[in-house]
Amino acid sequence: MQTAGGATLSEDTQPETAEGPGPDETTPEVKRRRPGLTLAALLIAAFAIGLDQWTKFLAEANLDPQEPVRILGGLVYLSLTWNSGAAFSLGTGYTWIFTIVASAVVVFLVFLSRRIAYPMWAVAIGLVLGGAAGNLVDRYFRDPGFAHGHVVDFISAFKPFGEAFPIFNLADSALCCGVVIIVLLELTGHGFSPESRKSAADEKAAKAAGAEAA
């Protein structure tokens, strides 16, 4: 994208950096991006939810909990189970607590999606939102009852019945991938907001100036 002066404006380059106090979340460039990036995040989340629920339906329709299916040479086993706890079968016995927490997380992420300013954050937020909402659908609408439903898990890595690693589903995978992307973005200075990126750039510039002075 080109500014009035002909300079190229990349994802990380913000207007008003050469003159004025620096970028903030009200710059025209950020405002133009937001609706599209919010929609992208919500579409990614919707796709993750749909794929998760579809694969759970197929798992329940075709898998026997007592007879795991070996695929990919034993790298993965399709081992059907129902989980009352958190992701990867952790914290069983506290279903209603996880339902409340997951509901709060989903509401927060939907609100946060309206403030996305960068494409990779749309991907990350979309994956985390889709993963959290995918399992939340199970908690609200599956047996044994509303807000106490058990999550369908069916992917067992390396060995059947979760012997090598807790059994999980596609919602868990989406959530974890989103979290990994978020961590990598933060560690590489690509923060969520223009302000955080400017702070990271200023800190990097200050360290570089100090190194040169030394």
N, C-alpha and C. Protein backbone atom coordinates (compact mmCIF):
# COMPACT_ATOMS: atom_id res chain seq x y z
N MET A 1 0.86 -1.20 0.00
CA MET A 1 0.00 0.00 0.00
C MET A 1 0.88 1.24 0.00
N GLN A 2 0.45 2.30 -0.71
CA GLN A 2 1.27 3.50 -0.82
C GLN A 2 0.60 4.67 -0.13
N THR A 3 1.41 5.43 0.56
CA THR A 3 0.93 6.65 1.19
C THR A 3 0.89 7.76 0.15
N ALA A 4 0.42 8.96 0.59
CA ALA A 4 0.33 10.09 -0.34
C ALA A 4 1.70 10.47 -0.87
N GLY A 5 2.73 10.25 -0.06
CA GLY A 5 4.07 10.62 -0.49
C GLY A 5 4.76 9.54 -1.28
N GLY A 6 4.06 8.41 -1.52
CA GLY A 6 4.66 7.36 -2.33
C GLY A 6 5.37 6.30 -1.54
N ALA A 7 5.42 6.40 -0.22
CA ALA A 7 6.14 5.41 0.58
C ALA A 7 5.28 4.18 0.77
N THR A 8 5.92 3.04 0.76
CA THR A 8 5.21 1.77 0.95
C THR A 8 4.88 1.58 2.41
N LEU A 9 3.64 1.14 2.66
CA LEU A 9 3.18 0.93 4.03
C LEU A 9 2.94 -0.55 4.23
N SER A 10 3.79 -1.21 4.98
CA SER A 10 3.64 -2.64 5.24
C SER A 10 2.79 -2.86 6.47
N GLU A 11 2.59 -4.14 6.83
CA GLU A 11 1.78 -4.46 8.00
C GLU A 11 2.35 -3.83 9.26
N ASP A 12 3.67 -3.82 9.39
CA ASP A 12 4.30 -3.33 10.61
C ASP A 12 4.62 -1.85 10.57
N THR A 13 4.48 -1.22 9.40
CA THR A 13 4.78 0.21 9.30
C THR A 13 3.51 0.99 9.53
N GLN A 14 3.53 1.89 10.47
CA GLN A 14 2.35 2.65 10.81
C GLN A 14 2.51 4.11 10.41
N PRO A 15 1.42 4.77 10.05
CA PRO A 15 1.50 6.20 9.77
C PRO A 15 1.83 7.01 11.01
N GLU A 16 2.32 8.20 10.81
CA GLU A 16 2.61 9.16 11.87
C GLU A 16 3.88 8.83 12.66
N THR A 17 4.70 7.90 12.17
CA THR A 17 5.91 7.59 12.91
C THR A 17 7.00 8.61 12.64
N ALA A 18 6.98 9.21 11.45
CA ALA A 18 8.01 10.19 11.14
C ALA A 18 7.70 11.53 11.78
N GLU A 19 6.41 11.83 11.91
CA GLU A 19 6.01 13.08 12.51
C GLU A 19 4.96 12.81 13.57
N GLY A 20 4.93 13.57 14.60
CA GLY A 20 3.89 13.39 15.61
C GLY A 20 4.29 12.40 16.67
N PRO A 21 3.37 12.10 17.57
CA PRO A 21 3.68 11.30 18.74
C PRO A 21 3.80 9.82 18.47
N GLY A 22 3.46 9.33 17.24
CA GLY A 22 3.58 7.91 16.96
C GLY A 22 2.22 7.28 16.81
N PRO A 23 2.19 5.98 16.43
CA PRO A 23 0.93 5.34 16.09
C PRO A 23 0.09 5.02 17.30
N ASP A 24 -1.21 4.97 17.09
CA ASP A 24 -2.11 4.46 18.11
C ASP A 24 -3.22 3.71 17.40
N GLU A 25 -4.19 3.20 18.17
CA GLU A 25 -5.21 2.34 17.59
C GLU A 25 -6.28 3.12 16.83
N THR A 26 -6.15 4.45 16.74
CA THR A 26 -7.15 5.23 16.02
C THR A 26 -6.65 5.70 14.66
N THR A 27 -5.47 5.26 14.22
CA THR A 27 -4.95 5.68 12.94
C THR A 27 -5.83 5.16 11.82
N PRO A 28 -5.92 5.87 10.70
CA PRO A 28 -6.78 5.44 9.58
C PRO A 28 -6.44 4.04 9.08
N GLU A 29 -5.15 3.73 9.03
CA GLU A 29 -4.74 2.40 8.53
C GLU A 29 -5.30 1.29 9.40
N VAL A 30 -5.20 1.46 10.71
CA VAL A 30 -5.72 0.44 11.63
C VAL A 30 -7.23 0.34 11.52
N LYS A 31 -7.92 1.48 11.43
CA LYS A 31 -9.38 1.47 11.32
C LYS A 31 -9.84 0.76 10.05
N ARG A 32 -9.10 0.94 8.95
CA ARG A 32 -9.48 0.29 7.70
C ARG A 32 -9.32 -1.22 7.79
N ARG A 33 -8.30 -1.66 8.51
CA ARG A 33 -8.04 -3.10 8.60
C ARG A 33 -9.06 -3.84 9.46
N ARG A 34 -9.52 -3.20 10.50
CA ARG A 34 -10.23 -3.92 11.55
C ARG A 34 -11.44 -4.73 11.10
N PRO A 35 -12.40 -4.15 10.36
CA PRO A 35 -13.58 -4.94 9.99
C PRO A 35 -13.23 -6.22 9.25
N GLY A 36 -12.31 -6.13 8.28
CA GLY A 36 -11.92 -7.30 7.51
C GLY A 36 -11.22 -8.35 8.35
N LEU A 37 -10.34 -7.90 9.25
CA LEU A 37 -9.61 -8.84 10.10
C LEU A 37 -10.52 -9.48 11.13
N THR A 38 -11.48 -8.71 11.64
CA THR A 38 -12.47 -9.28 12.55
C THR A 38 -13.27 -10.37 11.85
N LEU A 39 -13.71 -10.08 10.64
CA LEU A 39 -14.46 -11.07 9.87
C LEU A 39 -13.62 -12.30 9.60
N ALA A 40 -12.35 -12.09 9.26
CA ALA A 40 -11.45 -13.22 9.00
C ALA A 40 -11.31 -14.11 10.23
N ALA A 41 -11.12 -13.49 11.39
CA ALA A 41 -10.98 -14.25 12.63
C ALA A 41 -12.24 -15.06 12.92
N LEU A 42 -13.40 -14.45 12.73
CA LEU A 42 -14.67 -15.14 13.00
C LEU A 42 -14.91 -16.27 12.00
N LEU A 43 -14.50 -16.07 10.74
CA LEU A 43 -14.65 -17.13 9.75
C LEU A 43 -13.72 -18.31 10.06
N ILE A 44 -12.50 -18.01 10.49
CA ILE A 44 -11.58 -19.07 10.89
C ILE A 44 -12.15 -19.85 12.07
N ALA A 45 -12.70 -19.11 13.04
CA ALA A 45 -13.31 -19.76 14.20
C ALA A 45 -14.49 -20.63 13.78
N ALA A 46 -15.34 -20.12 12.89
CA ALA A 46 -16.50 -20.88 12.43
C ALA A 46 -16.08 -22.15 11.70
N PHE A 47 -15.04 -22.04 10.88
CA PHE A 47 -14.53 -23.22 10.17
C PHE A 47 -13.99 -24.25 11.15
N ALA A 48 -13.24 -23.79 12.16
CA ALA A 48 -12.70 -24.71 13.16
C ALA A 48 -13.82 -25.41 13.94
N ILE A 49 -14.85 -24.65 14.30
CA ILE A 49 -15.98 -25.24 15.02
C ILE A 49 -16.69 -26.28 14.15
N GLY A 50 -16.96 -25.91 12.90
CA GLY A 50 -17.65 -26.82 12.00
C GLY A 50 -16.88 -28.10 11.76
N LEU A 51 -15.57 -27.97 11.51
CA LEU A 51 -14.74 -29.15 11.27
C LEU A 51 -14.65 -30.02 12.52
N ASP A 52 -14.54 -29.38 13.66
CA ASP A 52 -14.47 -30.12 14.92
C ASP A 52 -15.76 -30.90 15.17
N GLN A 53 -16.90 -30.26 15.01
CA GLN A 53 -18.17 -30.94 15.26
C GLN A 53 -18.43 -32.04 14.24
N TRP A 54 -18.04 -31.82 13.00
CA TRP A 54 -18.23 -32.84 11.97
C TRP A 54 -17.40 -34.09 12.27
N THR A 55 -16.12 -33.89 12.64
CA THR A 55 -15.27 -35.04 12.94
C THR A 55 -15.74 -35.76 14.20
N LYS A 56 -16.28 -35.03 15.16
CA LYS A 56 -16.84 -35.68 16.35
C LYS A 56 -18.06 -36.53 16.00
N PHE A 57 -18.89 -36.00 15.10
CA PHE A 57 -20.05 -36.77 14.64
C PHE A 57 -19.60 -38.06 13.96
N LEU A 58 -18.60 -37.96 13.08
CA LEU A 58 -18.08 -39.14 12.40
C LEU A 58 -17.47 -40.13 13.39
N ALA A 59 -16.77 -39.62 14.38
CA ALA A 59 -16.14 -40.49 15.37
C ALA A 59 -17.18 -41.28 16.15
N GLU A 60 -18.23 -40.60 16.60
CA GLU A 60 -19.27 -41.29 17.37
C GLU A 60 -20.04 -42.28 16.50
N ALA A 61 -20.19 -41.97 15.21
CA ALA A 61 -20.97 -42.83 14.33
C ALA A 61 -20.19 -44.06 13.87
N ASN A 62 -18.86 -43.97 13.87
CA ASN A 62 -18.08 -45.04 13.24
C ASN A 62 -17.06 -45.74 14.14
N LEU A 63 -16.78 -45.20 15.30
CA LEU A 63 -15.75 -45.79 16.15
C LEU A 63 -16.34 -46.53 17.33
N ASP A 64 -15.70 -47.64 17.67
CA ASP A 64 -16.04 -48.41 18.87
C ASP A 64 -15.06 -48.02 19.96
N PRO A 65 -15.54 -47.52 21.10
CA PRO A 65 -14.62 -47.12 22.18
C PRO A 65 -13.65 -48.22 22.60
N GLN A 66 -14.01 -49.47 22.40
CA GLN A 66 -13.16 -50.59 22.82
C GLN A 66 -12.20 -51.06 21.73
N GLU A 67 -12.35 -50.52 20.51
CA GLU A 67 -11.51 -50.99 19.40
C GLU A 67 -10.93 -49.81 18.63
N PRO A 68 -9.81 -49.25 19.09
CA PRO A 68 -9.18 -48.12 18.40
C PRO A 68 -8.76 -48.51 16.98
N VAL A 69 -8.78 -47.52 16.08
CA VAL A 69 -8.38 -47.73 14.70
C VAL A 69 -6.97 -47.17 14.50
N ARG A 70 -6.07 -48.02 14.03
CA ARG A 70 -4.68 -47.62 13.82
C ARG A 70 -4.52 -47.01 12.44
N ILE A 71 -3.98 -45.78 12.37
CA ILE A 71 -3.74 -45.12 11.08
C ILE A 71 -2.34 -44.51 11.07
N LEU A 72 -1.89 -44.17 9.88
CA LEU A 72 -0.57 -43.54 9.69
C LEU A 72 0.54 -44.39 10.31
N GLY A 73 0.43 -45.70 10.13
CA GLY A 73 1.47 -46.59 10.61
C GLY A 73 1.62 -46.64 12.12
N GLY A 74 0.57 -46.29 12.83
CA GLY A 74 0.64 -46.30 14.29
C GLY A 74 1.00 -44.96 14.90
N LEU A 75 1.20 -43.96 14.05
CA LEU A 75 1.49 -42.62 14.58
C LEU A 75 0.27 -42.07 15.30
N VAL A 76 -0.91 -42.42 14.79
CA VAL A 76 -2.16 -41.96 15.38
C VAL A 76 -3.14 -43.13 15.49
N TYR A 77 -3.87 -43.16 16.58
CA TYR A 77 -4.96 -44.12 16.77
C TYR A 77 -6.25 -43.32 16.97
N LEU A 78 -7.31 -43.78 16.33
CA LEU A 78 -8.63 -43.18 16.56
C LEU A 78 -9.28 -43.95 17.70
N SER A 79 -9.27 -43.32 18.86
CA SER A 79 -9.67 -43.99 20.10
C SER A 79 -10.76 -43.15 20.77
N LEU A 80 -12.01 -43.54 20.57
CA LEU A 80 -13.15 -42.74 21.02
C LEU A 80 -13.32 -42.76 22.53
N THR A 81 -13.48 -41.55 23.08
CA THR A 81 -13.76 -41.42 24.51
C THR A 81 -14.52 -40.13 24.75
N TRP A 82 -15.06 -39.97 25.96
CA TRP A 82 -15.79 -38.76 26.33
C TRP A 82 -15.13 -38.17 27.57
N ASN A 83 -14.84 -36.88 27.50
CA ASN A 83 -14.05 -36.22 28.53
C ASN A 83 -14.88 -35.18 29.27
N SER A 84 -14.96 -35.31 30.58
CA SER A 84 -15.70 -34.33 31.39
C SER A 84 -14.80 -33.20 31.88
N GLY A 85 -13.49 -33.28 31.59
CA GLY A 85 -12.55 -32.28 32.08
C GLY A 85 -12.17 -31.27 31.02
N ALA A 86 -10.96 -30.73 31.15
CA ALA A 86 -10.48 -29.70 30.23
C ALA A 86 -9.80 -30.37 29.04
N ALA A 87 -9.07 -29.57 28.26
CA ALA A 87 -8.38 -30.10 27.09
C ALA A 87 -7.42 -31.22 27.50
N PHE A 88 -7.30 -32.20 26.62
CA PHE A 88 -6.40 -33.34 26.84
C PHE A 88 -6.77 -34.13 28.10
N SER A 89 -8.07 -34.16 28.42
CA SER A 89 -8.59 -34.97 29.53
C SER A 89 -8.08 -34.54 30.90
N LEU A 90 -7.74 -33.28 31.06
CA LEU A 90 -7.25 -32.79 32.35
C LEU A 90 -8.41 -32.25 33.18
N GLY A 91 -8.36 -32.47 34.50
CA GLY A 91 -9.33 -31.89 35.41
C GLY A 91 -10.72 -32.47 35.30
N THR A 92 -10.83 -33.78 35.11
CA THR A 92 -12.15 -34.39 35.04
C THR A 92 -12.88 -34.23 36.37
N GLY A 93 -14.19 -34.13 36.29
CA GLY A 93 -14.99 -33.98 37.50
C GLY A 93 -15.39 -32.54 37.79
N TYR A 94 -14.94 -31.59 36.98
CA TYR A 94 -15.27 -30.18 37.21
C TYR A 94 -15.90 -29.58 35.95
N THR A 95 -16.79 -30.32 35.33
CA THR A 95 -17.35 -29.92 34.04
C THR A 95 -17.99 -28.55 34.08
N TRP A 96 -18.82 -28.28 35.10
CA TRP A 96 -19.55 -27.01 35.15
C TRP A 96 -18.61 -25.83 35.29
N ILE A 97 -17.50 -26.03 36.00
CA ILE A 97 -16.51 -24.95 36.14
C ILE A 97 -15.87 -24.65 34.79
N PHE A 98 -15.49 -25.70 34.06
CA PHE A 98 -14.89 -25.49 32.75
C PHE A 98 -15.88 -24.86 31.78
N THR A 99 -17.16 -25.17 31.92
CA THR A 99 -18.18 -24.56 31.07
C THR A 99 -18.24 -23.06 31.30
N ILE A 100 -18.22 -22.64 32.56
CA ILE A 100 -18.26 -21.22 32.88
C ILE A 100 -17.01 -20.51 32.37
N VAL A 101 -15.85 -21.11 32.63
CA VAL A 101 -14.59 -20.50 32.20
C VAL A 101 -14.53 -20.41 30.69
N ALA A 102 -14.89 -21.49 30.00
CA ALA A 102 -14.85 -21.49 28.53
C ALA A 102 -15.81 -20.47 27.95
N SER A 103 -16.99 -20.32 28.56
CA SER A 103 -17.96 -19.33 28.09
C SER A 103 -17.39 -17.92 28.21
N ALA A 104 -16.74 -17.64 29.34
CA ALA A 104 -16.13 -16.31 29.55
C ALA A 104 -15.02 -16.07 28.53
N VAL A 105 -14.22 -17.10 28.25
CA VAL A 105 -13.12 -16.97 27.29
C VAL A 105 -13.67 -16.68 25.89
N VAL A 106 -14.73 -17.39 25.50
CA VAL A 106 -15.31 -17.18 24.17
C VAL A 106 -15.86 -15.76 24.03
N VAL A 107 -16.56 -15.28 25.04
CA VAL A 107 -17.10 -13.91 25.00
C VAL A 107 -15.96 -12.89 24.90
N PHE A 108 -14.90 -13.11 25.69
CA PHE A 108 -13.74 -12.20 25.65
C PHE A 108 -13.09 -12.19 24.27
N LEU A 109 -12.93 -13.38 23.67
CA LEU A 109 -12.26 -13.46 22.37
C LEU A 109 -13.09 -12.83 21.27
N VAL A 110 -14.42 -12.97 21.35
CA VAL A 110 -15.28 -12.30 20.37
C VAL A 110 -15.12 -10.78 20.48
N PHE A 111 -15.09 -10.28 21.72
CA PHE A 111 -14.87 -8.85 21.92
C PHE A 111 -13.49 -8.44 21.42
N LEU A 112 -12.47 -9.25 21.73
CA LEU A 112 -11.10 -8.94 21.32
C LEU A 112 -10.95 -8.94 19.81
N SER A 113 -11.71 -9.78 19.13
CA SER A 113 -11.60 -9.86 17.67
C SER A 113 -11.94 -8.54 16.99
N ARG A 114 -12.70 -7.69 17.65
CA ARG A 114 -13.06 -6.39 17.09
C ARG A 114 -11.88 -5.41 17.11
N ARG A 115 -10.81 -5.77 17.81
CA ARG A 115 -9.68 -4.86 17.95
C ARG A 115 -8.43 -5.37 17.22
N ILE A 116 -8.58 -6.42 16.42
CA ILE A 116 -7.44 -6.98 15.70
C ILE A 116 -6.94 -5.99 14.65
N ALA A 117 -5.63 -5.79 14.60
CA ALA A 117 -5.05 -4.85 13.65
C ALA A 117 -4.08 -5.50 12.68
N TYR A 118 -3.75 -6.80 12.87
CA TYR A 118 -2.75 -7.46 12.04
C TYR A 118 -3.22 -8.86 11.62
N PRO A 119 -2.94 -9.28 10.38
CA PRO A 119 -3.45 -10.54 9.85
C PRO A 119 -3.11 -11.77 10.67
N MET A 120 -1.87 -11.91 11.13
CA MET A 120 -1.51 -13.12 11.88
C MET A 120 -2.25 -13.20 13.20
N TRP A 121 -2.60 -12.06 13.76
CA TRP A 121 -3.40 -12.07 14.98
C TRP A 121 -4.84 -12.51 14.68
N ALA A 122 -5.33 -12.24 13.49
CA ALA A 122 -6.65 -12.74 13.10
C ALA A 122 -6.63 -14.27 13.04
N VAL A 123 -5.56 -14.83 12.50
CA VAL A 123 -5.42 -16.29 12.45
C VAL A 123 -5.35 -16.86 13.86
N ALA A 124 -4.50 -16.27 14.70
CA ALA A 124 -4.31 -16.79 16.05
C ALA A 124 -5.59 -16.71 16.88
N ILE A 125 -6.22 -15.54 16.89
CA ILE A 125 -7.46 -15.36 17.66
C ILE A 125 -8.56 -16.26 17.12
N GLY A 126 -8.63 -16.40 15.80
CA GLY A 126 -9.63 -17.26 15.20
C GLY A 126 -9.47 -18.71 15.62
N LEU A 127 -8.24 -19.20 15.65
CA LEU A 127 -7.98 -20.59 16.05
C LEU A 127 -8.31 -20.81 17.53
N VAL A 128 -7.89 -19.89 18.38
CA VAL A 128 -8.17 -20.04 19.81
C VAL A 128 -9.68 -19.97 20.07
N LEU A 129 -10.34 -19.03 19.41
CA LEU A 129 -11.79 -18.90 19.57
C LEU A 129 -12.51 -20.15 19.07
N GLY A 130 -12.11 -20.64 17.91
CA GLY A 130 -12.74 -21.84 17.36
C GLY A 130 -12.52 -23.06 18.24
N GLY A 131 -11.30 -23.19 18.78
CA GLY A 131 -11.03 -24.32 19.65
C GLY A 131 -11.83 -24.27 20.94
N ALA A 132 -11.87 -23.10 21.55
CA ALA A 132 -12.62 -22.97 22.80
C ALA A 132 -14.11 -23.17 22.57
N ALA A 133 -14.64 -22.59 21.49
CA ALA A 133 -16.07 -22.71 21.22
C ALA A 133 -16.46 -24.12 20.78
N GLY A 134 -15.56 -24.80 20.06
CA GLY A 134 -15.85 -26.16 19.62
C GLY A 134 -16.13 -27.09 20.79
N ASN A 135 -15.29 -27.04 21.80
CA ASN A 135 -15.51 -27.87 22.99
C ASN A 135 -16.67 -27.35 23.84
N LEU A 136 -16.89 -26.04 23.79
CA LEU A 136 -18.00 -25.47 24.56
C LEU A 136 -19.35 -25.96 24.03
N VAL A 137 -19.44 -26.16 22.72
CA VAL A 137 -20.67 -26.72 22.14
C VAL A 137 -20.97 -28.07 22.77
N ASP A 138 -19.93 -28.90 22.93
CA ASP A 138 -20.12 -30.21 23.57
C ASP A 138 -20.62 -30.05 25.00
N ARG A 139 -20.04 -29.13 25.73
CA ARG A 139 -20.39 -28.97 27.15
C ARG A 139 -21.84 -28.53 27.33
N TYR A 140 -22.32 -27.73 26.39
CA TYR A 140 -23.70 -27.26 26.51
C TYR A 140 -24.73 -28.27 26.00
N PHE A 141 -24.39 -29.01 24.97
CA PHE A 141 -25.43 -29.77 24.28
C PHE A 141 -25.27 -31.29 24.26
N ARG A 142 -24.19 -31.81 24.80
CA ARG A 142 -24.04 -33.27 24.83
C ARG A 142 -24.43 -33.83 26.20
N ASP A 143 -24.59 -35.15 26.23
CA ASP A 143 -24.88 -35.83 27.50
C ASP A 143 -23.72 -35.65 28.47
N PRO A 144 -23.99 -35.62 29.78
CA PRO A 144 -25.24 -35.99 30.45
C PRO A 144 -26.26 -34.86 30.62
N GLY A 145 -25.95 -33.63 30.17
CA GLY A 145 -26.95 -32.58 30.31
C GLY A 145 -26.37 -31.21 30.03
N PHE A 146 -27.27 -30.22 29.96
CA PHE A 146 -26.89 -28.86 29.62
C PHE A 146 -25.83 -28.32 30.59
N ALA A 147 -24.74 -27.79 30.02
CA ALA A 147 -23.61 -27.21 30.76
C ALA A 147 -22.80 -28.26 31.52
N HIS A 148 -23.19 -29.53 31.41
CA HIS A 148 -22.43 -30.61 32.03
C HIS A 148 -22.01 -31.66 31.00
N GLY A 149 -22.15 -31.33 29.73
CA GLY A 149 -21.84 -32.28 28.67
C GLY A 149 -20.38 -32.69 28.64
N HIS A 150 -20.14 -33.90 28.17
CA HIS A 150 -18.79 -34.42 28.05
C HIS A 150 -18.27 -34.19 26.62
N VAL A 151 -17.02 -33.79 26.52
CA VAL A 151 -16.41 -33.48 25.24
C VAL A 151 -15.96 -34.77 24.55
N VAL A 152 -16.25 -34.86 23.25
CA VAL A 152 -15.83 -36.03 22.48
C VAL A 152 -14.36 -35.89 22.10
N ASP A 153 -13.55 -36.85 22.50
CA ASP A 153 -12.14 -36.93 22.13
C ASP A 153 -11.92 -38.23 21.37
N PHE A 154 -11.03 -38.19 20.39
CA PHE A 154 -10.85 -39.43 19.61
C PHE A 154 -9.46 -39.58 18.98
N ILE A 155 -8.58 -38.63 19.17
CA ILE A 155 -7.24 -38.70 18.57
C ILE A 155 -6.23 -39.08 19.65
N SER A 156 -5.62 -40.24 19.50
CA SER A 156 -4.63 -40.72 20.46
C SER A 156 -3.29 -40.88 19.75
N ALA A 157 -2.31 -40.09 20.15
CA ALA A 157 -1.02 -40.11 19.48
C ALA A 157 -0.13 -41.25 19.97
N PHE A 158 0.46 -41.96 19.02
CA PHE A 158 1.50 -42.99 19.23
C PHE A 158 0.96 -44.31 19.79
N LYS A 159 0.03 -44.26 20.72
CA LYS A 159 -0.53 -45.48 21.29
C LYS A 159 -2.03 -45.30 21.51
N PRO A 160 -2.81 -46.40 21.52
CA PRO A 160 -4.26 -46.27 21.73
C PRO A 160 -4.59 -45.94 23.18
N PHE A 161 -5.84 -45.52 23.41
CA PHE A 161 -6.38 -45.27 24.74
C PHE A 161 -5.61 -44.19 25.52
N GLY A 162 -4.91 -43.31 24.81
CA GLY A 162 -4.18 -42.25 25.49
C GLY A 162 -3.02 -42.73 26.34
N GLU A 163 -2.42 -43.85 25.97
CA GLU A 163 -1.35 -44.42 26.79
C GLU A 163 -0.06 -43.61 26.71
N ALA A 164 0.17 -42.95 25.58
CA ALA A 164 1.40 -42.16 25.42
C ALA A 164 1.15 -40.68 25.60
N PHE A 165 -0.06 -40.23 25.27
CA PHE A 165 -0.38 -38.79 25.32
C PHE A 165 -1.89 -38.69 25.47
N PRO A 166 -2.39 -37.73 26.26
CA PRO A 166 -3.84 -37.62 26.45
C PRO A 166 -4.61 -37.53 25.13
N ILE A 167 -5.73 -38.21 25.06
CA ILE A 167 -6.57 -38.18 23.86
C ILE A 167 -7.14 -36.77 23.67
N PHE A 168 -7.21 -36.32 22.41
CA PHE A 168 -7.68 -34.97 22.14
C PHE A 168 -8.56 -34.95 20.91
N ASN A 169 -8.98 -33.76 20.49
CA ASN A 169 -9.81 -33.60 19.30
C ASN A 169 -9.31 -32.41 18.49
N LEU A 170 -10.00 -32.08 17.41
CA LEU A 170 -9.54 -30.98 16.55
C LEU A 170 -9.69 -29.62 17.21
N ALA A 171 -10.67 -29.47 18.11
CA ALA A 171 -10.80 -28.21 18.83
C ALA A 171 -9.58 -27.96 19.71
N ASP A 172 -9.12 -29.01 20.42
CA ASP A 172 -7.91 -28.89 21.22
C ASP A 172 -6.72 -28.49 20.35
N SER A 173 -6.63 -29.11 19.17
CA SER A 173 -5.52 -28.82 18.26
C SER A 173 -5.55 -27.37 17.80
N ALA A 174 -6.74 -26.89 17.42
CA ALA A 174 -6.87 -25.50 16.96
C ALA A 174 -6.48 -24.53 18.07
N LEU A 175 -6.95 -24.80 19.27
CA LEU A 175 -6.65 -23.93 20.41
C LEU A 175 -5.15 -23.87 20.67
N CYS A 176 -4.50 -25.02 20.67
CA CYS A 176 -3.06 -25.06 20.94
C CYS A 176 -2.26 -24.38 19.84
N CYS A 177 -2.65 -24.57 18.58
CA CYS A 177 -1.95 -23.91 17.47
C CYS A 177 -2.09 -22.39 17.59
N GLY A 178 -3.29 -21.93 17.95
CA GLY A 178 -3.49 -20.50 18.12
C GLY A 178 -2.63 -19.92 19.23
N VAL A 179 -2.54 -20.64 20.34
CA VAL A 179 -1.72 -20.18 21.46
C VAL A 179 -0.25 -20.13 21.07
N VAL A 180 0.21 -21.13 20.33
CA VAL A 180 1.61 -21.15 19.88
C VAL A 180 1.90 -19.94 19.00
N ILE A 181 0.98 -19.63 18.08
CA ILE A 181 1.17 -18.47 17.20
C ILE A 181 1.23 -17.19 18.03
N ILE A 182 0.36 -17.06 19.02
CA ILE A 182 0.36 -15.87 19.88
C ILE A 182 1.70 -15.72 20.60
N VAL A 183 2.20 -16.81 21.16
CA VAL A 183 3.48 -16.77 21.87
C VAL A 183 4.60 -16.35 20.93
N LEU A 184 4.62 -16.92 19.73
CA LEU A 184 5.67 -16.58 18.76
C LEU A 184 5.57 -15.11 18.34
N LEU A 185 4.36 -14.62 18.14
CA LEU A 185 4.19 -13.21 17.77
C LEU A 185 4.72 -12.29 18.86
N GLU A 186 4.38 -12.61 20.11
CA GLU A 186 4.85 -11.77 21.22
C GLU A 186 6.37 -11.84 21.36
N LEU A 187 6.92 -13.03 21.24
CA LEU A 187 8.37 -13.19 21.41
C LEU A 187 9.17 -12.50 20.30
N THR A 188 8.57 -12.37 19.13
CA THR A 188 9.27 -11.74 18.01
C THR A 188 8.94 -10.26 17.86
N GLY A 189 8.26 -9.68 18.85
CA GLY A 189 7.97 -8.25 18.82
C GLY A 189 6.78 -7.86 17.97
N HIS A 190 5.97 -8.84 17.54
CA HIS A 190 4.79 -8.55 16.73
C HIS A 190 3.56 -8.58 17.63
N GLY A 191 3.47 -7.59 18.52
CA GLY A 191 2.40 -7.55 19.51
C GLY A 191 1.03 -7.33 18.92
N PHE A 192 0.02 -7.43 19.78
CA PHE A 192 -1.37 -7.35 19.35
C PHE A 192 -1.74 -5.96 18.85
N SER A 193 -1.23 -4.91 19.50
CA SER A 193 -1.63 -3.55 19.17
C SER A 193 -0.48 -2.77 18.55
N PRO A 194 -0.78 -1.71 17.81
CA PRO A 194 0.28 -0.85 17.28
C PRO A 194 1.19 -0.30 18.38
N GLU A 195 0.60 0.03 19.54
CA GLU A 195 1.40 0.56 20.64
C GLU A 195 2.44 -0.44 21.12
N SER A 196 2.02 -1.72 21.24
CA SER A 196 2.96 -2.74 21.73
C SER A 196 4.10 -2.95 20.74
N ARG A 197 3.79 -2.86 19.45
CA ARG A 197 4.84 -3.02 18.44
C ARG A 197 5.79 -1.82 18.46
N LYS A 198 5.25 -0.64 18.66
CA LYS A 198 6.10 0.54 18.73
C LYS A 198 7.02 0.46 19.95
N SER A 199 6.48 -0.01 21.07
CA SER A 199 7.28 -0.15 22.28
C SER A 199 8.41 -1.14 22.07
N ALA A 200 8.09 -2.26 21.41
CA ALA A 200 9.11 -3.27 21.13
C ALA A 200 10.19 -2.71 20.20
N ALA A 201 9.76 -1.94 19.20
CA ALA A 201 10.72 -1.35 18.27
C ALA A 201 11.59 -0.31 18.97
N ASP A 202 10.98 0.50 19.84
CA ASP A 202 11.74 1.50 20.58
C ASP A 202 12.76 0.83 21.50
N GLU A 203 12.33 -0.26 22.16
CA GLU A 203 13.24 -0.97 23.06
C GLU A 203 14.41 -1.57 22.28
N LYS A 204 14.10 -2.13 21.11
CA LYS A 204 15.16 -2.71 20.28
C LYS A 204 16.13 -1.63 19.81
N ALA A 205 15.57 -0.46 19.42
CA ALA A 205 16.41 0.64 18.97
C ALA A 205 17.28 1.16 20.10
N ALA A 206 16.74 1.22 21.32
CA ALA A 206 17.50 1.69 22.46
C ALA A 206 18.66 0.74 22.78
N LYS A 207 18.38 -0.56 22.69
CA LYS A 207 19.44 -1.55 22.94
C LYS A 207 20.53 -1.44 21.89
N ALA A 208 20.12 -1.23 20.63
CA ALA A 208 21.09 -1.10 19.55
C ALA A 208 21.95 0.15 19.73
N ALA A 209 21.31 1.24 20.16
CA ALA A 209 22.05 2.48 20.40
C ALA A 209 23.02 2.32 21.56
N GLY A 210 22.60 1.60 22.60
CA GLY A 210 23.48 1.35 23.72
C GLY A 210 24.66 0.51 23.34
N ALA A 211 24.42 -0.48 22.48
CA ALA A 211 25.52 -1.36 22.03
C ALA A 211 26.52 -0.57 21.21
N GLU A 212 26.02 0.34 20.35
CA GLU A 212 26.92 1.15 19.54
C GLU A 212 27.73 2.10 20.41
N ALA A 213 27.06 2.67 21.43
CA ALA A 213 27.77 3.61 22.31
C ALA A 213 28.86 2.90 23.09
N ALA A 214 28.59 1.64 23.47
CA ALA A 214 29.60 0.88 24.22
C ALA A 214 30.76 0.51 23.31
